[in-house]
Amino acid sequence: MAYITGIERLGLERGMQQGMQQGMQQGMQQGEVAVLHRLLQTKFGEKFTDTYRQRIDKANIDTLLDWSEQVLSAQSIDEIFR
């Protein structure tokens, strides 16, 4: 068994924490993408095209949350993506 110094252990712990945080953020983003896809498909049907899906898939979490809120009041899909 290899000896790990205090500095190495601290580095490993920080790396693990960062990895867990990134994983949680990615999971939240993927969940938000799935919800937004479902909302738009339900509300706008075939007007929810691959172009919109691609924009959603590339968006950051803040943009996704903003778009999700706009779904409630939008009369057209274009209102959401202005």
C-alpha atoms as a PDB file:
ATOM      1  CA  MET A   1       0.000   0.000   0.000  1.00  0.00           C
ATOM      2  CA  ALA A   2       1.425   3.370  -1.022  1.00  0.00           C
ATOM      3  CA  TYR A   3       1.891   6.164   1.471  1.00  0.00           C
ATOM      4  CA  ILE A   4      -0.075   9.345   0.742  1.00  0.00           C
ATOM      5  CA  THR A   5       1.131  12.635   2.148  1.00  0.00           C
ATOM      6  CA  GLY A   6      -1.208  15.181   3.685  1.00  0.00           C
ATOM      7  CA  ILE A   7      -0.865  17.406   0.631  1.00  0.00           C
ATOM      8  CA  GLU A   8      -1.678  14.532  -1.710  1.00  0.00           C
ATOM      9  CA  ARG A   9      -4.681  13.581   0.404  1.00  0.00           C
ATOM     10  CA  LEU A  10      -5.909  17.186   0.351  1.00  0.00           C
ATOM     11  CA  GLY A  11      -5.516  17.246  -3.427  1.00  0.00           C
ATOM     12  CA  LEU A  12      -7.453  13.999  -3.780  1.00  0.00           C
ATOM     13  CA  GLU A  13     -10.250  15.275  -1.540  1.00  0.00           C
ATOM     14  CA  ARG A  14     -10.524  18.519  -3.485  1.00  0.00           C
ATOM     15  CA  GLY A  15     -10.561  16.621  -6.759  1.00  0.00           C
ATOM     16  CA  MET A  16     -13.317  14.349  -5.503  1.00  0.00           C
ATOM     17  CA  GLN A  17     -15.374  17.320  -4.295  1.00  0.00           C
ATOM     18  CA  GLN A  18     -14.990  19.093  -7.629  1.00  0.00           C
ATOM     19  CA  GLY A  19     -15.934  15.934  -9.494  1.00  0.00           C
ATOM     20  CA  MET A  20     -19.041  15.459  -7.376  1.00  0.00           C
ATOM     21  CA  GLN A  21     -20.072  19.085  -7.844  1.00  0.00           C
ATOM     22  CA  GLN A  22     -19.593  18.892 -11.617  1.00  0.00           C
ATOM     23  CA  GLY A  23     -21.580  15.668 -11.722  1.00  0.00           C
ATOM     24  CA  MET A  24     -24.436  17.256  -9.799  1.00  0.00           C
ATOM     25  CA  GLN A  25     -24.457  20.287 -12.098  1.00  0.00           C
ATOM     26  CA  GLN A  26     -24.488  18.074 -15.189  1.00  0.00           C
ATOM     27  CA  GLY A  27     -27.317  16.028 -13.720  1.00  0.00           C
ATOM     28  CA  MET A  28     -29.344  19.160 -12.995  1.00  0.00           C
ATOM     29  CA  GLN A  29     -28.751  20.444 -16.509  1.00  0.00           C
ATOM     30  CA  GLN A  30     -29.748  17.136 -18.096  1.00  0.00           C
ATOM     31  CA  GLY A  31     -32.900  17.068 -15.990  1.00  0.00           C
ATOM     32  CA  GLU A  32     -33.801  20.609 -16.989  1.00  0.00           C
ATOM     33  CA  VAL A  33     -33.227  19.761 -20.664  1.00  0.00           C
ATOM     34  CA  ALA A  34     -35.567  16.768 -20.368  1.00  0.00           C
ATOM     35  CA  VAL A  35     -38.290  18.799 -18.636  1.00  0.00           C
ATOM     36  CA  LEU A  36     -38.081  21.627 -21.157  1.00  0.00           C
ATOM     37  CA  HIS A  37     -38.255  19.174 -24.069  1.00  0.00           C
ATOM     38  CA  ARG A  38     -41.361  17.611 -22.543  1.00  0.00           C
ATOM     39  CA  LEU A  39     -43.049  20.957 -21.833  1.00  0.00           C
ATOM     40  CA  LEU A  40     -42.445  22.292 -25.330  1.00  0.00           C
ATOM     41  CA  GLN A  41     -43.509  19.062 -27.021  1.00  0.00           C
ATOM     42  CA  THR A  42     -46.727  19.045 -25.001  1.00  0.00           C
ATOM     43  CA  LYS A  43     -47.540  22.718 -25.542  1.00  0.00           C
ATOM     44  CA  PHE A  44     -46.416  23.253 -29.134  1.00  0.00           C
ATOM     45  CA  GLY A  45     -46.428  19.773 -30.691  1.00  0.00           C
ATOM     46  CA  GLU A  46     -44.839  19.614 -34.138  1.00  0.00           C
ATOM     47  CA  LYS A  47     -43.764  23.270 -33.926  1.00  0.00           C
ATOM     48  CA  PHE A  48     -41.127  22.039 -31.472  1.00  0.00           C
ATOM     49  CA  THR A  49     -38.578  21.160 -34.148  1.00  0.00           C
ATOM     50  CA  ASP A  50     -35.047  19.762 -34.066  1.00  0.00           C
ATOM     51  CA  THR A  51     -33.696  23.309 -34.355  1.00  0.00           C
ATOM     52  CA  TYR A  52     -35.210  24.164 -30.961  1.00  0.00           C
ATOM     53  CA  ARG A  53     -34.088  20.835 -29.491  1.00  0.00           C
ATOM     54  CA  GLN A  54     -30.498  21.558 -30.525  1.00  0.00           C
ATOM     55  CA  ARG A  55     -30.597  25.028 -28.976  1.00  0.00           C
ATOM     56  CA  ILE A  56     -31.877  23.544 -25.734  1.00  0.00           C
ATOM     57  CA  ASP A  57     -29.227  20.819 -25.729  1.00  0.00           C
ATOM     58  CA  LYS A  58     -26.457  23.442 -26.034  1.00  0.00           C
ATOM     59  CA  ALA A  59     -27.846  25.968 -23.515  1.00  0.00           C
ATOM     60  CA  ASN A  60     -26.482  26.593 -20.029  1.00  0.00           C
ATOM     61  CA  ILE A  61     -28.569  25.977 -16.910  1.00  0.00           C
ATOM     62  CA  ASP A  62     -29.543  29.640 -16.410  1.00  0.00           C
ATOM     63  CA  THR A  63     -30.868  29.903 -19.955  1.00  0.00           C
ATOM     64  CA  LEU A  64     -32.753  26.620 -19.567  1.00  0.00           C
ATOM     65  CA  LEU A  65     -34.429  27.863 -16.391  1.00  0.00           C
ATOM     66  CA  ASP A  66     -35.370  31.126 -18.086  1.00  0.00           C
ATOM     67  CA  TRP A  67     -36.897  29.313 -21.056  1.00  0.00           C
ATOM     68  CA  SER A  68     -38.799  26.945 -18.749  1.00  0.00           C
ATOM     69  CA  GLU A  69     -40.419  29.889 -16.975  1.00  0.00           C
ATOM     70  CA  GLN A  70     -41.385  31.475 -20.284  1.00  0.00           C
ATOM     71  CA  VAL A  71     -43.238  28.343 -21.432  1.00  0.00           C
ATOM     72  CA  LEU A  72     -46.076  29.158 -19.037  1.00  0.00           C
ATOM     73  CA  SER A  73     -46.983  32.486 -20.622  1.00  0.00           C
ATOM     74  CA  ALA A  74     -45.741  32.087 -24.212  1.00  0.00           C
ATOM     75  CA  GLN A  75     -48.345  32.089 -26.963  1.00  0.00           C
ATOM     76  CA  SER A  76     -45.849  30.839 -29.538  1.00  0.00           C
ATOM     77  CA  ILE A  77     -42.630  28.890 -29.367  1.00  0.00           C
ATOM     78  CA  ASP A  78     -40.764  31.820 -30.936  1.00  0.00           C
ATOM     79  CA  GLU A  79     -41.595  33.984 -27.896  1.00  0.00           C
ATOM     80  CA  ILE A  80     -39.492  31.685 -25.749  1.00  0.00           C
ATOM     81  CA  PHE A  81     -36.394  31.723 -27.939  1.00  0.00           C
ATOM     82  CA  ARG A  82     -36.088  35.422 -28.746  1.00  0.00           C
END
